[in-house]
Amino acid sequence: LCKLKEYHLDHQLLHWITDFLCNRKQRV
């Protein structure tokens, strides 16, 4: 996410990618 911010991605797009990546859970 820090790298994506450095590449000046749109704020809404960064928010969407953050939602896509973060707060994911898994179990086995």
PDB file of all heavy atoms in Angstrom:
ATOM      1  N   LEU A   1       0.824  -1.211   0.000  1.00  0.00           N
ATOM      2  CA  LEU A   1       0.000   0.000   0.000  1.00  0.00           C
ATOM      3  C   LEU A   1       0.861   1.264   0.000  1.00  0.00           C
ATOM      4  O   LEU A   1       0.521   2.252  -0.667  1.00  0.00           O
ATOM      5  CB  LEU A   1      -0.965  -0.012   1.183  1.00  0.00           C
ATOM      6  CG  LEU A   1      -2.041  -1.094   1.110  1.00  0.00           C
ATOM      7  CD1 LEU A   1      -2.812  -1.172   2.427  1.00  0.00           C
ATOM      8  CD2 LEU A   1      -2.979  -0.871  -0.065  1.00  0.00           C
ATOM      9  N   CYS A   2       1.982   1.242   0.699  1.00  0.00           N
ATOM     10  CA  CYS A   2       2.907   2.385   0.673  1.00  0.00           C
ATOM     11  C   CYS A   2       3.448   2.609  -0.737  1.00  0.00           C
ATOM     12  O   CYS A   2       3.540   3.746  -1.201  1.00  0.00           O
ATOM     13  CB  CYS A   2       4.065   2.169   1.639  1.00  0.00           C
ATOM     14  SG  CYS A   2       3.631   2.437   3.358  1.00  0.00           S
ATOM     15  N   LYS A   3       3.803   1.513  -1.410  1.00  0.00           N
ATOM     16  CA  LYS A   3       4.295   1.643  -2.784  1.00  0.00           C
ATOM     17  C   LYS A   3       3.212   2.202  -3.701  1.00  0.00           C
ATOM     18  O   LYS A   3       3.493   3.046  -4.549  1.00  0.00           O
ATOM     19  CB  LYS A   3       4.787   0.294  -3.314  1.00  0.00           C
ATOM     20  CG  LYS A   3       6.113  -0.119  -2.724  1.00  0.00           C
ATOM     21  CD  LYS A   3       6.625  -1.381  -3.373  1.00  0.00           C
ATOM     22  CE  LYS A   3       7.981  -1.743  -2.769  1.00  0.00           C
ATOM     23  NZ  LYS A   3       8.668  -2.749  -3.555  1.00  0.00           N
ATOM     24  N   LEU A   4       1.992   1.728  -3.528  1.00  0.00           N
ATOM     25  CA  LEU A   4       0.900   2.223  -4.368  1.00  0.00           C
ATOM     26  C   LEU A   4       0.690   3.731  -4.165  1.00  0.00           C
ATOM     27  O   LEU A   4       0.429   4.463  -5.120  1.00  0.00           O
ATOM     28  CB  LEU A   4      -0.391   1.461  -4.068  1.00  0.00           C
ATOM     29  CG  LEU A   4      -0.394  -0.009  -4.491  1.00  0.00           C
ATOM     30  CD1 LEU A   4      -1.637  -0.710  -3.956  1.00  0.00           C
ATOM     31  CD2 LEU A   4      -0.289  -0.151  -5.997  1.00  0.00           C
ATOM     32  N   LYS A   5       0.808   4.202  -2.928  1.00  0.00           N
ATOM     33  CA  LYS A   5       0.686   5.635  -2.659  1.00  0.00           C
ATOM     34  C   LYS A   5       1.805   6.416  -3.341  1.00  0.00           C
ATOM     35  O   LYS A   5       1.578   7.501  -3.881  1.00  0.00           O
ATOM     36  CB  LYS A   5       0.703   5.899  -1.155  1.00  0.00           C
ATOM     37  CG  LYS A   5      -0.561   5.464  -0.459  1.00  0.00           C
ATOM     38  CD  LYS A   5      -0.462   5.647   1.048  1.00  0.00           C
ATOM     39  CE  LYS A   5      -1.671   5.030   1.726  1.00  0.00           C
ATOM     40  NZ  LYS A   5      -1.540   5.009   3.179  1.00  0.00           N
ATOM     41  N   GLU A   6       3.015   5.853  -3.332  1.00  0.00           N
ATOM     42  CA  GLU A   6       4.163   6.504  -3.983  1.00  0.00           C
ATOM     43  C   GLU A   6       3.951   6.651  -5.487  1.00  0.00           C
ATOM     44  O   GLU A   6       4.492   7.560  -6.105  1.00  0.00           O
ATOM     45  CB  GLU A   6       5.444   5.712  -3.721  1.00  0.00           C
ATOM     46  CG  GLU A   6       5.897   5.720  -2.284  1.00  0.00           C
ATOM     47  CD  GLU A   6       6.402   7.084  -1.850  1.00  0.00           C
ATOM     48  OE1 GLU A   6       7.106   7.750  -2.633  1.00  0.00           O
ATOM     49  OE2 GLU A   6       6.085   7.491  -0.716  1.00  0.00           O
ATOM     50  N   TYR A   7       3.183   5.752  -6.069  1.00  0.00           N
ATOM     51  CA  TYR A   7       2.896   5.794  -7.505  1.00  0.00           C
ATOM     52  C   TYR A   7       1.687   6.668  -7.826  1.00  0.00           C
ATOM     53  O   TYR A   7       1.216   6.687  -8.955  1.00  0.00           O
ATOM     54  CB  TYR A   7       2.684   4.386  -8.059  1.00  0.00           C
ATOM     55  CG  TYR A   7       3.952   3.572  -8.172  1.00  0.00           C
ATOM     56  CD1 TYR A   7       4.076   2.356  -7.520  1.00  0.00           C
ATOM     57  CD2 TYR A   7       5.027   4.014  -8.941  1.00  0.00           C
ATOM     58  CE1 TYR A   7       5.238   1.596  -7.632  1.00  0.00           C
ATOM     59  CE2 TYR A   7       6.193   3.265  -9.052  1.00  0.00           C
ATOM     60  CZ  TYR A   7       6.287   2.057  -8.402  1.00  0.00           C
ATOM     61  OH  TYR A   7       7.428   1.312  -8.517  1.00  0.00           O
ATOM     62  N   HIS A   8       1.187   7.396  -6.847  1.00  0.00           N
ATOM     63  CA  HIS A   8       0.122   8.394  -7.030  1.00  0.00           C
ATOM     64  C   HIS A   8      -1.162   7.812  -7.626  1.00  0.00           C
ATOM     65  O   HIS A   8      -1.779   8.435  -8.494  1.00  0.00           O
ATOM     66  CB  HIS A   8       0.616   9.559  -7.888  1.00  0.00           C
ATOM     67  CG  HIS A   8       1.910  10.132  -7.418  1.00  0.00           C
ATOM     68  ND1 HIS A   8       2.022  10.836  -6.243  1.00  0.00           N
ATOM     69  CD2 HIS A   8       3.161  10.082  -7.947  1.00  0.00           C
ATOM     70  CE1 HIS A   8       3.272  11.207  -6.068  1.00  0.00           C
ATOM     71  NE2 HIS A   8       3.993  10.761  -7.084  1.00  0.00           N
ATOM     72  N   LEU A   9      -1.557   6.650  -7.135  1.00  0.00           N
ATOM     73  CA  LEU A   9      -2.841   6.102  -7.571  1.00  0.00           C
ATOM     74  C   LEU A   9      -3.968   6.927  -6.979  1.00  0.00           C
ATOM     75  O   LEU A   9      -3.831   7.529  -5.906  1.00  0.00           O
ATOM     76  CB  LEU A   9      -2.994   4.648  -7.123  1.00  0.00           C
ATOM     77  CG  LEU A   9      -2.179   3.604  -7.877  1.00  0.00           C
ATOM     78  CD1 LEU A   9      -2.510   2.212  -7.360  1.00  0.00           C
ATOM     79  CD2 LEU A   9      -2.420   3.663  -9.363  1.00  0.00           C
ATOM     80  N   ASP A  10      -5.067   6.956  -7.671  1.00  0.00           N
ATOM     81  CA  ASP A  10      -6.264   7.661  -7.225  1.00  0.00           C
ATOM     82  C   ASP A  10      -6.649   7.217  -5.813  1.00  0.00           C
ATOM     83  O   ASP A  10      -6.575   6.026  -5.483  1.00  0.00           O
ATOM     84  CB  ASP A  10      -7.400   7.363  -8.213  1.00  0.00           C
ATOM     85  CG  ASP A  10      -8.701   7.983  -7.790  1.00  0.00           C
ATOM     86  OD1 ASP A  10      -8.833   9.208  -7.959  1.00  0.00           O
ATOM     87  OD2 ASP A  10      -9.568   7.234  -7.286  1.00  0.00           O
ATOM     88  N   HIS A  11      -7.070   8.172  -4.979  1.00  0.00           N
ATOM     89  CA  HIS A  11      -7.412   7.889  -3.582  1.00  0.00           C
ATOM     90  C   HIS A  11      -8.514   6.834  -3.474  1.00  0.00           C
ATOM     91  O   HIS A  11      -8.435   5.929  -2.641  1.00  0.00           O
ATOM     92  CB  HIS A  11      -7.830   9.183  -2.877  1.00  0.00           C
ATOM     93  CG  HIS A  11      -8.235   8.983  -1.458  1.00  0.00           C
ATOM     94  ND1 HIS A  11      -7.315   8.677  -0.457  1.00  0.00           N
ATOM     95  CD2 HIS A  11      -9.446   9.001  -0.867  1.00  0.00           C
ATOM     96  CE1 HIS A  11      -7.973   8.529   0.681  1.00  0.00           C
ATOM     97  NE2 HIS A  11      -9.257   8.730   0.470  1.00  0.00           N
ATOM     98  N   GLN A  12      -9.533   6.926  -4.304  1.00  0.00           N
ATOM     99  CA  GLN A  12     -10.619   5.941  -4.244  1.00  0.00           C
ATOM    100  C   GLN A  12     -10.128   4.552  -4.644  1.00  0.00           C
ATOM    101  O   GLN A  12     -10.538   3.550  -4.064  1.00  0.00           O
ATOM    102  CB  GLN A  12     -11.777   6.364  -5.152  1.00  0.00           C
ATOM    103  CG  GLN A  12     -12.563   7.525  -4.594  1.00  0.00           C
ATOM    104  CD  GLN A  12     -13.709   7.902  -5.505  1.00  0.00           C
ATOM    105  OE1 GLN A  12     -13.586   7.910  -6.724  1.00  0.00           O
ATOM    106  NE2 GLN A  12     -14.847   8.223  -4.897  1.00  0.00           N
ATOM    107  N   LEU A  13      -9.250   4.504  -5.621  1.00  0.00           N
ATOM    108  CA  LEU A  13      -8.691   3.226  -6.046  1.00  0.00           C
ATOM    109  C   LEU A  13      -7.842   2.619  -4.925  1.00  0.00           C
ATOM    110  O   LEU A  13      -7.919   1.419  -4.655  1.00  0.00           O
ATOM    111  CB  LEU A  13      -7.863   3.400  -7.314  1.00  0.00           C
ATOM    112  CG  LEU A  13      -7.213   2.147  -7.885  1.00  0.00           C
ATOM    113  CD1 LEU A  13      -8.257   1.080  -8.203  1.00  0.00           C
ATOM    114  CD2 LEU A  13      -6.408   2.487  -9.126  1.00  0.00           C
ATOM    115  N   LEU A  14      -7.054   3.444  -4.261  1.00  0.00           N
ATOM    116  CA  LEU A  14      -6.261   2.964  -3.118  1.00  0.00           C
ATOM    117  C   LEU A  14      -7.172   2.413  -2.025  1.00  0.00           C
ATOM    118  O   LEU A  14      -6.869   1.374  -1.430  1.00  0.00           O
ATOM    119  CB  LEU A  14      -5.402   4.090  -2.545  1.00  0.00           C
ATOM    120  CG  LEU A  14      -4.114   4.388  -3.278  1.00  0.00           C
ATOM    121  CD1 LEU A  14      -3.478   5.659  -2.731  1.00  0.00           C
ATOM    122  CD2 LEU A  14      -3.147   3.232  -3.172  1.00  0.00           C
ATOM    123  N   HIS A  15      -8.258   3.084  -1.775  1.00  0.00           N
ATOM    124  CA  HIS A  15      -9.206   2.625  -0.760  1.00  0.00           C
ATOM    125  C   HIS A  15      -9.800   1.278  -1.169  1.00  0.00           C
ATOM    126  O   HIS A  15      -9.928   0.369  -0.347  1.00  0.00           O
ATOM    127  CB  HIS A  15     -10.308   3.676  -0.553  1.00  0.00           C
ATOM    128  CG  HIS A  15     -11.275   3.317   0.522  1.00  0.00           C
ATOM    129  ND1 HIS A  15     -10.942   3.333   1.864  1.00  0.00           N
ATOM    130  CD2 HIS A  15     -12.566   2.911   0.454  1.00  0.00           C
ATOM    131  CE1 HIS A  15     -11.990   2.952   2.573  1.00  0.00           C
ATOM    132  NE2 HIS A  15     -12.993   2.680   1.737  1.00  0.00           N
ATOM    133  N   TRP A  16     -10.146   1.144  -2.429  1.00  0.00           N
ATOM    134  CA  TRP A  16     -10.720  -0.104  -2.926  1.00  0.00           C
ATOM    135  C   TRP A  16      -9.709  -1.250  -2.812  1.00  0.00           C
ATOM    136  O   TRP A  16     -10.054  -2.350  -2.381  1.00  0.00           O
ATOM    137  CB  TRP A  16     -11.166   0.098  -4.383  1.00  0.00           C
ATOM    138  CG  TRP A  16     -11.884  -1.067  -4.954  1.00  0.00           C
ATOM    139  CD1 TRP A  16     -13.188  -1.398  -4.788  1.00  0.00           C
ATOM    140  CD2 TRP A  16     -11.317  -2.083  -5.786  1.00  0.00           C
ATOM    141  NE1 TRP A  16     -13.479  -2.556  -5.473  1.00  0.00           N
ATOM    142  CE2 TRP A  16     -12.341  -2.996  -6.094  1.00  0.00           C
ATOM    143  CE3 TRP A  16     -10.043  -2.299  -6.314  1.00  0.00           C
ATOM    144  CZ2 TRP A  16     -12.132  -4.103  -6.898  1.00  0.00           C
ATOM    145  CZ3 TRP A  16      -9.829  -3.414  -7.112  1.00  0.00           C
ATOM    146  CH2 TRP A  16     -10.870  -4.296  -7.389  1.00  0.00           C
ATOM    147  N   ILE A  17      -8.445  -0.991  -3.180  1.00  0.00           N
ATOM    148  CA  ILE A  17      -7.400  -2.020  -3.081  1.00  0.00           C
ATOM    149  C   ILE A  17      -7.155  -2.382  -1.618  1.00  0.00           C
ATOM    150  O   ILE A  17      -6.956  -3.553  -1.285  1.00  0.00           O
ATOM    151  CB  ILE A  17      -6.107  -1.558  -3.774  1.00  0.00           C
ATOM    152  CG1 ILE A  17      -6.343  -1.488  -5.298  1.00  0.00           C
ATOM    153  CG2 ILE A  17      -4.951  -2.501  -3.461  1.00  0.00           C
ATOM    154  CD1 ILE A  17      -5.210  -0.863  -6.079  1.00  0.00           C
ATOM    155  N   THR A  18      -7.179  -1.395  -0.737  1.00  0.00           N
ATOM    156  CA  THR A  18      -7.024  -1.663   0.699  1.00  0.00           C
ATOM    157  C   THR A  18      -8.129  -2.596   1.174  1.00  0.00           C
ATOM    158  O   THR A  18      -7.871  -3.568   1.888  1.00  0.00           O
ATOM    159  CB  THR A  18      -7.050  -0.342   1.501  1.00  0.00           C
ATOM    160  OG1 THR A  18      -5.984   0.494   1.057  1.00  0.00           O
ATOM    161  CG2 THR A  18      -6.903  -0.609   2.990  1.00  0.00           C
ATOM    162  N   ASP A  19      -9.364  -2.326   0.769  1.00  0.00           N
ATOM    163  CA  ASP A  19     -10.479  -3.208   1.133  1.00  0.00           C
ATOM    164  C   ASP A  19     -10.307  -4.609   0.556  1.00  0.00           C
ATOM    165  O   ASP A  19     -10.666  -5.603   1.189  1.00  0.00           O
ATOM    166  CB  ASP A  19     -11.818  -2.626   0.657  1.00  0.00           C
ATOM    167  CG  ASP A  19     -12.279  -1.457   1.494  1.00  0.00           C
ATOM    168  OD1 ASP A  19     -11.725  -1.253   2.599  1.00  0.00           O
ATOM    169  OD2 ASP A  19     -13.180  -0.732   1.046  1.00  0.00           O
ATOM    170  N   PHE A  20      -9.764  -4.691  -0.652  1.00  0.00           N
ATOM    171  CA  PHE A  20      -9.533  -5.979  -1.308  1.00  0.00           C
ATOM    172  C   PHE A  20      -8.500  -6.809  -0.546  1.00  0.00           C
ATOM    173  O   PHE A  20      -8.641  -8.017  -0.405  1.00  0.00           O
ATOM    174  CB  PHE A  20      -9.072  -5.739  -2.750  1.00  0.00           C
ATOM    175  CG  PHE A  20      -8.680  -6.970  -3.510  1.00  0.00           C
ATOM    176  CD1 PHE A  20      -9.649  -7.880  -3.924  1.00  0.00           C
ATOM    177  CD2 PHE A  20      -7.358  -7.219  -3.831  1.00  0.00           C
ATOM    178  CE1 PHE A  20      -9.301  -9.014  -4.652  1.00  0.00           C
ATOM    179  CE2 PHE A  20      -6.997  -8.344  -4.556  1.00  0.00           C
ATOM    180  CZ  PHE A  20      -7.970  -9.247  -4.967  1.00  0.00           C
ATOM    181  N   LEU A  21      -7.459  -6.152  -0.027  1.00  0.00           N
ATOM    182  CA  LEU A  21      -6.353  -6.861   0.616  1.00  0.00           C
ATOM    183  C   LEU A  21      -6.537  -7.089   2.111  1.00  0.00           C
ATOM    184  O   LEU A  21      -6.278  -8.180   2.615  1.00  0.00           O
ATOM    185  CB  LEU A  21      -5.042  -6.082   0.425  1.00  0.00           C
ATOM    186  CG  LEU A  21      -4.465  -6.006  -0.972  1.00  0.00           C
ATOM    187  CD1 LEU A  21      -3.255  -5.092  -0.978  1.00  0.00           C
ATOM    188  CD2 LEU A  21      -4.097  -7.394  -1.470  1.00  0.00           C
ATOM    189  N   CYS A  22      -6.929  -6.054   2.815  1.00  0.00           N
ATOM    190  CA  CYS A  22      -6.869  -6.071   4.272  1.00  0.00           C
ATOM    191  C   CYS A  22      -8.107  -6.699   4.903  1.00  0.00           C
ATOM    192  O   CYS A  22      -9.157  -6.806   4.281  1.00  0.00           O
ATOM    193  CB  CYS A  22      -6.668  -4.651   4.795  1.00  0.00           C
ATOM    194  SG  CYS A  22      -5.126  -3.918   4.221  1.00  0.00           S
ATOM    195  N   ASN A  23      -7.924  -7.107   6.151  1.00  0.00           N
ATOM    196  CA  ASN A  23      -8.989  -7.704   6.965  1.00  0.00           C
ATOM    197  C   ASN A  23      -9.508  -9.019   6.390  1.00  0.00           C
ATOM    198  O   ASN A  23     -10.668  -9.357   6.570  1.00  0.00           O
ATOM    199  CB  ASN A  23     -10.136  -6.713   7.177  1.00  0.00           C
ATOM    200  CG  ASN A  23      -9.657  -5.472   7.896  1.00  0.00           C
ATOM    201  OD1 ASN A  23      -8.888  -5.554   8.834  1.00  0.00           O
ATOM    202  ND2 ASN A  23     -10.095  -4.325   7.432  1.00  0.00           N
ATOM    203  N   ARG A  24      -8.639  -9.735   5.702  1.00  0.00           N
ATOM    204  CA  ARG A  24      -9.017 -11.054   5.192  1.00  0.00           C
ATOM    205  C   ARG A  24      -8.697 -12.088   6.264  1.00  0.00           C
ATOM    206  O   ARG A  24      -7.754 -11.943   7.032  1.00  0.00           O
ATOM    207  CB  ARG A  24      -8.260 -11.366   3.898  1.00  0.00           C
ATOM    208  CG  ARG A  24      -8.703 -10.469   2.772  1.00  0.00           C
ATOM    209  CD  ARG A  24      -8.013 -10.717   1.428  1.00  0.00           C
ATOM    210  NE  ARG A  24      -7.516 -12.047   1.218  1.00  0.00           N
ATOM    211  CZ  ARG A  24      -6.224 -12.344   1.056  1.00  0.00           C
ATOM    212  NH1 ARG A  24      -5.325 -11.406   1.088  1.00  0.00           N
ATOM    213  NH2 ARG A  24      -5.842 -13.584   0.854  1.00  0.00           N
ATOM    214  N   LYS A  25      -9.488 -13.147   6.296  1.00  0.00           N
ATOM    215  CA  LYS A  25      -9.292 -14.227   7.260  1.00  0.00           C
ATOM    216  C   LYS A  25      -9.299 -15.559   6.521  1.00  0.00           C
ATOM    217  O   LYS A  25      -9.870 -15.679   5.440  1.00  0.00           O
ATOM    218  CB  LYS A  25     -10.404 -14.232   8.308  1.00  0.00           C
ATOM    219  CG  LYS A  25     -10.431 -13.001   9.181  1.00  0.00           C
ATOM    220  CD  LYS A  25     -11.578 -13.082  10.163  1.00  0.00           C
ATOM    221  CE  LYS A  25     -11.618 -11.831  11.018  1.00  0.00           C
ATOM    222  NZ  LYS A  25     -12.736 -11.868  11.954  1.00  0.00           N
ATOM    223  N   GLN A  26      -8.683 -16.547   7.158  1.00  0.00           N
ATOM    224  CA  GLN A  26      -8.729 -17.897   6.604  1.00  0.00           C
ATOM    225  C   GLN A  26      -8.672 -18.910   7.739  1.00  0.00           C
ATOM    226  O   GLN A  26      -8.261 -18.592   8.848  1.00  0.00           O
ATOM    227  CB  GLN A  26      -7.591 -18.141   5.619  1.00  0.00           C
ATOM    228  CG  GLN A  26      -6.222 -18.303   6.245  1.00  0.00           C
ATOM    229  CD  GLN A  26      -5.159 -18.581   5.202  1.00  0.00           C
ATOM    230  OE1 GLN A  26      -5.281 -18.198   4.046  1.00  0.00           O
ATOM    231  NE2 GLN A  26      -4.103 -19.246   5.614  1.00  0.00           N
ATOM    232  N   ARG A  27      -9.101 -20.114   7.415  1.00  0.00           N
ATOM    233  CA  ARG A  27      -8.988 -21.219   8.349  1.00  0.00           C
ATOM    234  C   ARG A  27      -8.706 -22.473   7.543  1.00  0.00           C
ATOM    235  O   ARG A  27      -8.832 -22.493   6.325  1.00  0.00           O
ATOM    236  CB  ARG A  27     -10.241 -21.372   9.202  1.00  0.00           C
ATOM    237  CG  ARG A  27     -11.488 -21.763   8.434  1.00  0.00           C
ATOM    238  CD  ARG A  27     -12.660 -21.864   9.356  1.00  0.00           C
ATOM    239  NE  ARG A  27     -13.864 -22.215   8.604  1.00  0.00           N
ATOM    240  CZ  ARG A  27     -14.986 -22.550   9.161  1.00  0.00           C
ATOM    241  NH1 ARG A  27     -15.082 -22.573  10.478  1.00  0.00           N
ATOM    242  NH2 ARG A  27     -16.035 -22.853   8.440  1.00  0.00           N
ATOM    243  N   VAL A  28      -8.334 -23.523   8.243  1.00  0.00           N
ATOM    244  CA  VAL A  28      -7.938 -24.773   7.603  1.00  0.00           C
ATOM    245  C   VAL A  28      -8.879 -25.889   8.036  1.00  0.00           C
ATOM    246  O   VAL A  28      -9.312 -25.932   9.194  1.00  0.00           O
ATOM    247  CB  VAL A  28      -6.480 -25.135   7.988  1.00  0.00           C
ATOM    248  CG1 VAL A  28      -6.056 -26.450   7.381  1.00  0.00           C
ATOM    249  CG2 VAL A  28      -5.534 -24.023   7.589  1.00  0.00           C
TER     250      VAL A  28
END
